Amino acid sequence: MEAYIFDLDGTLLDLMGVWQDIDIEFLKQRGYAVPDDYADKVSAMSFEQAAAYTIERFALTDDAESVMAEWREMASQHCA
């Protein structure tokens, strides 16, 4: 089975920049720069997998739920 996504109004493309900004801001607050391969790695993951990967990769003390909650809050602020 094949599936296609049509982004007729540009919403998905617009959100890609938002998530890049969130990655930069989130990691900067913790003293890290976004590695070149980070976006490629997390783009293939679920939201929860991306949180767990981020925690492991950067040895963060946060738990996945708090990371996801912070990301959601940051996204709502960027999209408001």
PDB file of N, CA and C in Angstrom:
ATOM      1  N   MET A   1       0.844  -1.180   0.000  1.00  0.00           N
ATOM      2  CA  MET A   1       0.000   0.000   0.000  1.00  0.00           C
ATOM      3  C   MET A   1       0.886   1.239   0.000  1.00  0.00           C
ATOM      4  N   GLU A   2       0.548   2.208  -0.810  1.00  0.00           N
ATOM      5  CA  GLU A   2       1.278   3.460  -0.860  1.00  0.00           C
ATOM      6  C   GLU A   2       0.386   4.571  -0.337  1.00  0.00           C
ATOM      7  N   ALA A   3       1.016   5.570   0.231  1.00  0.00           N
ATOM      8  CA  ALA A   3       0.272   6.729   0.724  1.00  0.00           C
ATOM      9  C   ALA A   3       0.990   7.986   0.278  1.00  0.00           C
ATOM     10  N   TYR A   4       0.228   9.017   0.078  1.00  0.00           N
ATOM     11  CA  TYR A   4       0.777  10.301  -0.338  1.00  0.00           C
ATOM     12  C   TYR A   4       0.207  11.395   0.543  1.00  0.00           C
ATOM     13  N   ILE A   5       1.026  12.375   0.812  1.00  0.00           N
ATOM     14  CA  ILE A   5       0.570  13.545   1.563  1.00  0.00           C
ATOM     15  C   ILE A   5       0.664  14.741   0.621  1.00  0.00           C
ATOM     16  N   PHE A   6      -0.444  15.437   0.474  1.00  0.00           N
ATOM     17  CA  PHE A   6      -0.461  16.647  -0.335  1.00  0.00           C
ATOM     18  C   PHE A   6      -0.575  17.837   0.602  1.00  0.00           C
ATOM     19  N   ASP A   7       0.393  18.697   0.557  1.00  0.00           N
ATOM     20  CA  ASP A   7       0.429  19.880   1.426  1.00  0.00           C
ATOM     21  C   ASP A   7       0.008  21.090   0.594  1.00  0.00           C
ATOM     22  N   LEU A   8      -1.270  21.154   0.290  1.00  0.00           N
ATOM     23  CA  LEU A   8      -1.763  22.167  -0.636  1.00  0.00           C
ATOM     24  C   LEU A   8      -1.665  23.591  -0.110  1.00  0.00           C
ATOM     25  N   ASP A   9      -1.751  23.750   1.185  1.00  0.00           N
ATOM     26  CA  ASP A   9      -1.703  25.114   1.724  1.00  0.00           C
ATOM     27  C   ASP A   9      -0.356  25.475   2.341  1.00  0.00           C
ATOM     28  N   GLY A  10       0.605  24.561   2.288  1.00  0.00           N
ATOM     29  CA  GLY A  10       1.933  24.855   2.808  1.00  0.00           C
ATOM     30  C   GLY A  10       2.083  24.676   4.300  1.00  0.00           C
ATOM     31  N   THR A  11       1.061  24.149   4.985  1.00  0.00           N
ATOM     32  CA  THR A  11       1.110  24.012   6.447  1.00  0.00           C
ATOM     33  C   THR A  11       2.277  23.150   6.906  1.00  0.00           C
ATOM     34  N   LEU A  12       2.449  21.999   6.286  1.00  0.00           N
ATOM     35  CA  LEU A  12       3.543  21.113   6.712  1.00  0.00           C
ATOM     36  C   LEU A  12       4.895  21.757   6.484  1.00  0.00           C
ATOM     37  N   LEU A  13       5.065  22.397   5.348  1.00  0.00           N
ATOM     38  CA  LEU A  13       6.338  23.069   5.083  1.00  0.00           C
ATOM     39  C   LEU A  13       6.576  24.194   6.067  1.00  0.00           C
ATOM     40  N   ASP A  14       5.521  24.942   6.395  1.00  0.00           N
ATOM     41  CA  ASP A  14       5.655  26.026   7.366  1.00  0.00           C
ATOM     42  C   ASP A  14       6.072  25.486   8.731  1.00  0.00           C
ATOM     43  N   LEU A  15       5.521  24.336   9.103  1.00  0.00           N
ATOM     44  CA  LEU A  15       5.828  23.765  10.413  1.00  0.00           C
ATOM     45  C   LEU A  15       7.235  23.205  10.499  1.00  0.00           C
ATOM     46  N   MET A  16       7.822  22.837   9.372  1.00  0.00           N
ATOM     47  CA  MET A  16       9.191  22.317   9.397  1.00  0.00           C
ATOM     48  C   MET A  16      10.143  23.357   9.978  1.00  0.00           C
ATOM     49  N   GLY A  17       9.977  24.601   9.583  1.00  0.00           N
ATOM     50  CA  GLY A  17      10.813  25.671  10.125  1.00  0.00           C
ATOM     51  C   GLY A  17      10.575  25.882  11.604  1.00  0.00           C
ATOM     52  N   VAL A  18       9.326  25.722  12.025  1.00  0.00           N
ATOM     53  CA  VAL A  18       8.994  25.868  13.446  1.00  0.00           C
ATOM     54  C   VAL A  18       9.729  24.816  14.253  1.00  0.00           C
ATOM     55  N   TRP A  19       9.696  23.564  13.794  1.00  0.00           N
ATOM     56  CA  TRP A  19      10.363  22.491  14.546  1.00  0.00           C
ATOM     57  C   TRP A  19      11.874  22.674  14.558  1.00  0.00           C
ATOM     58  N   GLN A  20      12.426  23.200  13.492  1.00  0.00           N
ATOM     59  CA  GLN A  20      13.864  23.491  13.499  1.00  0.00           C
ATOM     60  C   GLN A  20      14.178  24.562  14.544  1.00  0.00           C
ATOM     61  N   ASP A  21      13.340  25.584  14.621  1.00  0.00           N
ATOM     62  CA  ASP A  21      13.524  26.637  15.629  1.00  0.00           C
ATOM     63  C   ASP A  21      13.396  26.073  17.039  1.00  0.00           C
ATOM     64  N   ILE A  22      12.437  25.177  17.223  1.00  0.00           N
ATOM     65  CA  ILE A  22      12.244  24.550  18.534  1.00  0.00           C
ATOM     66  C   ILE A  22      13.468  23.716  18.909  1.00  0.00           C
ATOM     67  N   ASP A  23      14.001  22.954  17.962  1.00  0.00           N
ATOM     68  CA  ASP A  23      15.217  22.168  18.232  1.00  0.00           C
ATOM     69  C   ASP A  23      16.344  23.077  18.687  1.00  0.00           C
ATOM     70  N   ILE A  24      16.542  24.160  17.958  1.00  0.00           N
ATOM     71  CA  ILE A  24      17.625  25.104  18.286  1.00  0.00           C
ATOM     72  C   ILE A  24      17.419  25.684  19.679  1.00  0.00           C
ATOM     73  N   GLU A  25      16.214  26.170  19.938  1.00  0.00           N
ATOM     74  CA  GLU A  25      15.919  26.816  21.231  1.00  0.00           C
ATOM     75  C   GLU A  25      16.011  25.822  22.387  1.00  0.00           C
ATOM     76  N   PHE A  26      15.407  24.642  22.211  1.00  0.00           N
ATOM     77  CA  PHE A  26      15.393  23.623  23.259  1.00  0.00           C
ATOM     78  C   PHE A  26      16.806  23.211  23.643  1.00  0.00           C
ATOM     79  N   LEU A  27      17.625  22.897  22.643  1.00  0.00           N
ATOM     80  CA  LEU A  27      18.988  22.444  22.940  1.00  0.00           C
ATOM     81  C   LEU A  27      19.870  23.586  23.430  1.00  0.00           C
ATOM     82  N   LYS A  28      19.659  24.786  22.906  1.00  0.00           N
ATOM     83  CA  LYS A  28      20.451  25.940  23.363  1.00  0.00           C
ATOM     84  C   LYS A  28      20.223  26.202  24.851  1.00  0.00           C
ATOM     85  N   GLN A  29      18.979  26.047  25.295  1.00  0.00           N
ATOM     86  CA  GLN A  29      18.661  26.235  26.721  1.00  0.00           C
ATOM     87  C   GLN A  29      19.420  25.247  27.599  1.00  0.00           C
ATOM     88  N   ARG A  30      19.852  24.161  27.021  1.00  0.00           N
ATOM     89  CA  ARG A  30      20.575  23.129  27.758  1.00  0.00           C
ATOM     90  C   ARG A  30      22.068  23.118  27.440  1.00  0.00           C
ATOM     91  N   GLY A  31      22.506  24.129  26.692  1.00  0.00           N
ATOM     92  CA  GLY A  31      23.928  24.279  26.419  1.00  0.00           C
ATOM     93  C   GLY A  31      24.444  23.514  25.216  1.00  0.00           C
ATOM     94  N   TYR A  32      23.558  23.114  24.311  1.00  0.00           N
ATOM     95  CA  TYR A  32      23.967  22.346  23.138  1.00  0.00           C
ATOM     96  C   TYR A  32      23.580  23.072  21.853  1.00  0.00           C
ATOM     97  N   ALA A  33      24.328  22.805  20.808  1.00  0.00           N
ATOM     98  CA  ALA A  33      23.962  23.216  19.456  1.00  0.00           C
ATOM     99  C   ALA A  33      23.320  22.005  18.780  1.00  0.00           C
ATOM    100  N   VAL A  34      22.480  22.261  17.793  1.00  0.00           N
ATOM    101  CA  VAL A  34      21.840  21.164  17.066  1.00  0.00           C
ATOM    102  C   VAL A  34      22.867  20.528  16.124  1.00  0.00           C
ATOM    103  N   PRO A  35      23.158  19.244  16.311  1.00  0.00           N
ATOM    104  CA  PRO A  35      24.100  18.571  15.410  1.00  0.00           C
ATOM    105  C   PRO A  35      23.516  18.479  13.991  1.00  0.00           C
ATOM    106  N   ASP A  36      24.383  18.401  13.015  1.00  0.00           N
ATOM    107  CA  ASP A  36      23.955  18.366  11.611  1.00  0.00           C
ATOM    108  C   ASP A  36      23.008  17.206  11.303  1.00  0.00           C
ATOM    109  N   ASP A  37      23.177  16.075  11.962  1.00  0.00           N
ATOM    110  CA  ASP A  37      22.367  14.900  11.657  1.00  0.00           C
ATOM    111  C   ASP A  37      21.100  14.778  12.505  1.00  0.00           C
ATOM    112  N   TYR A  38      20.891  15.693  13.433  1.00  0.00           N
ATOM    113  CA  TYR A  38      19.789  15.561  14.388  1.00  0.00           C
ATOM    114  C   TYR A  38      18.417  15.545  13.705  1.00  0.00           C
ATOM    115  N   ALA A  39      18.144  16.506  12.833  1.00  0.00           N
ATOM    116  CA  ALA A  39      16.825  16.592  12.183  1.00  0.00           C
ATOM    117  C   ALA A  39      16.534  15.338  11.360  1.00  0.00           C
ATOM    118  N   ASP A  40      17.533  14.840  10.653  1.00  0.00           N
ATOM    119  CA  ASP A  40      17.333  13.619   9.867  1.00  0.00           C
ATOM    120  C   ASP A  40      17.001  12.429  10.759  1.00  0.00           C
ATOM    121  N   LYS A  41      17.670  12.352  11.893  1.00  0.00           N
ATOM    122  CA  LYS A  41      17.435  11.234  12.819  1.00  0.00           C
ATOM    123  C   LYS A  41      16.022  11.285  13.388  1.00  0.00           C
ATOM    124  N   VAL A  42      15.610  12.432  13.929  1.00  0.00           N
ATOM    125  CA  VAL A  42      14.322  12.494  14.624  1.00  0.00           C
ATOM    126  C   VAL A  42      13.132  12.570  13.667  1.00  0.00           C
ATOM    127  N   SER A  43      13.375  12.979  12.428  1.00  0.00           N
ATOM    128  CA  SER A  43      12.247  13.102  11.492  1.00  0.00           C
ATOM    129  C   SER A  43      11.599  11.761  11.176  1.00  0.00           C
ATOM    130  N   ALA A  44      12.328  10.688  11.340  1.00  0.00           N
ATOM    131  CA  ALA A  44      11.801   9.351  11.071  1.00  0.00           C
ATOM    132  C   ALA A  44      11.208   8.700  12.320  1.00  0.00           C
ATOM    133  N   MET A  45      11.179   9.438  13.435  1.00  0.00           N
ATOM    134  CA  MET A  45      10.719   8.886  14.710  1.00  0.00           C
ATOM    135  C   MET A  45       9.369   9.456  15.101  1.00  0.00           C
ATOM    136  N   SER A  46       8.679   8.739  15.979  1.00  0.00           N
ATOM    137  CA  SER A  46       7.477   9.281  16.584  1.00  0.00           C
ATOM    138  C   SER A  46       7.890  10.376  17.564  1.00  0.00           C
ATOM    139  N   PHE A  47       6.935  11.135  18.019  1.00  0.00           N
ATOM    140  CA  PHE A  47       7.206  12.211  18.972  1.00  0.00           C
ATOM    141  C   PHE A  47       7.866  11.654  20.234  1.00  0.00           C
ATOM    142  N   GLU A  48       7.327  10.561  20.740  1.00  0.00           N
ATOM    143  CA  GLU A  48       7.875   9.944  21.956  1.00  0.00           C
ATOM    144  C   GLU A  48       9.274   9.368  21.712  1.00  0.00           C
ATOM    145  N   GLN A  49       9.475   8.742  20.575  1.00  0.00           N
ATOM    146  CA  GLN A  49      10.800   8.219  20.242  1.00  0.00           C
ATOM    147  C   GLN A  49      11.816   9.350  20.120  1.00  0.00           C
ATOM    148  N   ALA A  50      11.409  10.464  19.519  1.00  0.00           N
ATOM    149  CA  ALA A  50      12.308  11.612  19.373  1.00  0.00           C
ATOM    150  C   ALA A  50      12.697  12.168  20.740  1.00  0.00           C
ATOM    151  N   ALA A  51      11.745  12.216  21.661  1.00  0.00           N
ATOM    152  CA  ALA A  51      12.047  12.691  23.014  1.00  0.00           C
ATOM    153  C   ALA A  51      13.047  11.760  23.697  1.00  0.00           C
ATOM    154  N   ALA A  52      12.801  10.464  23.617  1.00  0.00           N
ATOM    155  CA  ALA A  52      13.707   9.486  24.244  1.00  0.00           C
ATOM    156  C   ALA A  52      15.100   9.554  23.613  1.00  0.00           C
ATOM    157  N   TYR A  53      15.154   9.668  22.297  1.00  0.00           N
ATOM    158  CA  TYR A  53      16.431   9.779  21.589  1.00  0.00           C
ATOM    159  C   TYR A  53      17.179  11.028  22.019  1.00  0.00           C
ATOM    160  N   THR A  54      16.476  12.149  22.117  1.00  0.00           N
ATOM    161  CA  THR A  54      17.093  13.422  22.512  1.00  0.00           C
ATOM    162  C   THR A  54      17.656  13.328  23.922  1.00  0.00           C
ATOM    163  N   ILE A  55      16.895  12.737  24.811  1.00  0.00           N
ATOM    164  CA  ILE A  55      17.347  12.565  26.197  1.00  0.00           C
ATOM    165  C   ILE A  55      18.610  11.725  26.245  1.00  0.00           C
ATOM    166  N   GLU A  56      18.591  10.624  25.508  1.00  0.00           N
ATOM    167  CA  GLU A  56      19.761   9.732  25.503  1.00  0.00           C
ATOM    168  C   GLU A  56      20.967  10.386  24.827  1.00  0.00           C
ATOM    169  N   ARG A  57      20.742  11.002  23.685  1.00  0.00           N
ATOM    170  CA  ARG A  57      21.858  11.571  22.915  1.00  0.00           C
ATOM    171  C   ARG A  57      22.574  12.676  23.677  1.00  0.00           C
ATOM    172  N   PHE A  58      21.816  13.498  24.395  1.00  0.00           N
ATOM    173  CA  PHE A  58      22.418  14.639  25.086  1.00  0.00           C
ATOM    174  C   PHE A  58      22.534  14.424  26.593  1.00  0.00           C
ATOM    175  N   ALA A  59      22.274  13.201  27.051  1.00  0.00           N
ATOM    176  CA  ALA A  59      22.378  12.849  28.472  1.00  0.00           C
ATOM    177  C   ALA A  59      21.595  13.833  29.344  1.00  0.00           C
ATOM    178  N   LEU A  60      20.346  14.094  28.934  1.00  0.00           N
ATOM    179  CA  LEU A  60      19.505  15.028  29.678  1.00  0.00           C
ATOM    180  C   LEU A  60      18.902  14.338  30.894  1.00  0.00           C
ATOM    181  N   THR A  61      18.590  15.118  31.902  1.00  0.00           N
ATOM    182  CA  THR A  61      17.964  14.572  33.104  1.00  0.00           C
ATOM    183  C   THR A  61      16.439  14.618  33.015  1.00  0.00           C
ATOM    184  N   ASP A  62      15.913  15.234  31.963  1.00  0.00           N
ATOM    185  CA  ASP A  62      14.468  15.313  31.759  1.00  0.00           C
ATOM    186  C   ASP A  62      13.900  13.929  31.459  1.00  0.00           C
ATOM    187  N   ASP A  63      12.587  13.748  31.713  1.00  0.00           N
ATOM    188  CA  ASP A  63      11.925  12.535  31.258  1.00  0.00           C
ATOM    189  C   ASP A  63      11.186  12.850  29.959  1.00  0.00           C
ATOM    190  N   ALA A  64      10.797  11.804  29.243  1.00  0.00           N
ATOM    191  CA  ALA A  64      10.188  11.980  27.924  1.00  0.00           C
ATOM    192  C   ALA A  64       8.912  12.817  27.990  1.00  0.00           C
ATOM    193  N   GLU A  65       8.088  12.607  28.992  1.00  0.00           N
ATOM    194  CA  GLU A  65       6.835  13.363  29.112  1.00  0.00           C
ATOM    195  C   GLU A  65       7.090  14.860  29.266  1.00  0.00           C
ATOM    196  N   SER A  66       8.081  15.226  30.071  1.00  0.00           N
ATOM    197  CA  SER A  66       8.356  16.653  30.265  1.00  0.00           C
ATOM    198  C   SER A  66       8.976  17.274  29.011  1.00  0.00           C
ATOM    199  N   VAL A  67       9.787  16.516  28.288  1.00  0.00           N
ATOM    200  CA  VAL A  67      10.359  17.016  27.031  1.00  0.00           C
ATOM    201  C   VAL A  67       9.247  17.250  26.022  1.00  0.00           C
ATOM    202  N   MET A  68       8.346  16.280  25.878  1.00  0.00           N
ATOM    203  CA  MET A  68       7.249  16.430  24.928  1.00  0.00           C
ATOM    204  C   MET A  68       6.330  17.582  25.319  1.00  0.00           C
ATOM    205  N   ALA A  69       6.073  17.746  26.597  1.00  0.00           N
ATOM    206  CA  ALA A  69       5.240  18.858  27.054  1.00  0.00           C
ATOM    207  C   ALA A  69       5.901  20.197  26.739  1.00  0.00           C
ATOM    208  N   GLU A  70       7.208  20.283  26.941  1.00  0.00           N
ATOM    209  CA  GLU A  70       7.939  21.511  26.623  1.00  0.00           C
ATOM    210  C   GLU A  70       7.905  21.789  25.124  1.00  0.00           C
ATOM    211  N   TRP A  71       8.102  20.751  24.314  1.00  0.00           N
ATOM    212  CA  TRP A  71       8.037  20.924  22.864  1.00  0.00           C
ATOM    213  C   TRP A  71       6.654  21.402  22.429  1.00  0.00           C
ATOM    214  N   ARG A  72       5.603  20.808  23.011  1.00  0.00           N
ATOM    215  CA  ARG A  72       4.236  21.228  22.661  1.00  0.00           C
ATOM    216  C   ARG A  72       4.008  22.688  23.012  1.00  0.00           C
ATOM    217  N   GLU A  73       4.469  23.083  24.183  1.00  0.00           N
ATOM    218  CA  GLU A  73       4.313  24.476  24.611  1.00  0.00           C
ATOM    219  C   GLU A  73       5.081  25.416  23.685  1.00  0.00           C
ATOM    220  N   MET A  74       6.287  25.038  23.340  1.00  0.00           N
ATOM    221  CA  MET A  74       7.084  25.862  22.425  1.00  0.00           C
ATOM    222  C   MET A  74       6.399  25.967  21.065  1.00  0.00           C
ATOM    223  N   ALA A  75       5.833  24.853  20.578  1.00  0.00           N
ATOM    224  CA  ALA A  75       5.140  24.865  19.285  1.00  0.00           C
ATOM    225  C   ALA A  75       3.916  25.762  19.337  1.00  0.00           C
ATOM    226  N   SER A  76       3.176  25.719  20.441  1.00  0.00           N
ATOM    227  CA  SER A  76       1.989  26.560  20.543  1.00  0.00           C
ATOM    228  C   SER A  76       2.366  28.036  20.574  1.00  0.00           C
ATOM    229  N   GLN A  77       3.492  28.359  21.181  1.00  0.00           N
ATOM    230  CA  GLN A  77       3.951  29.741  21.200  1.00  0.00           C
ATOM    231  C   GLN A  77       4.418  30.189  19.808  1.00  0.00           C
ATOM    232  N   HIS A  78       5.066  29.304  19.075  1.00  0.00           N
ATOM    233  CA  HIS A  78       5.539  29.640  17.739  1.00  0.00           C
ATOM    234  C   HIS A  78       4.389  29.774  16.737  1.00  0.00           C
ATOM    235  N   CYS A  79       3.321  29.020  16.963  1.00  0.00           N
ATOM    236  CA  CYS A  79       2.207  29.010  16.007  1.00  0.00           C
ATOM    237  C   CYS A  79       1.082  29.972  16.402  1.00  0.00           C
ATOM    238  N   ALA A  80       1.242  30.648  17.509  1.00  0.00           N
ATOM    239  CA  ALA A  80       0.179  31.564  17.967  1.00  0.00           C
ATOM    240  C   ALA A  80       0.159  32.843  17.180  1.00  0.00           C
TER     241      ALA A  80
END
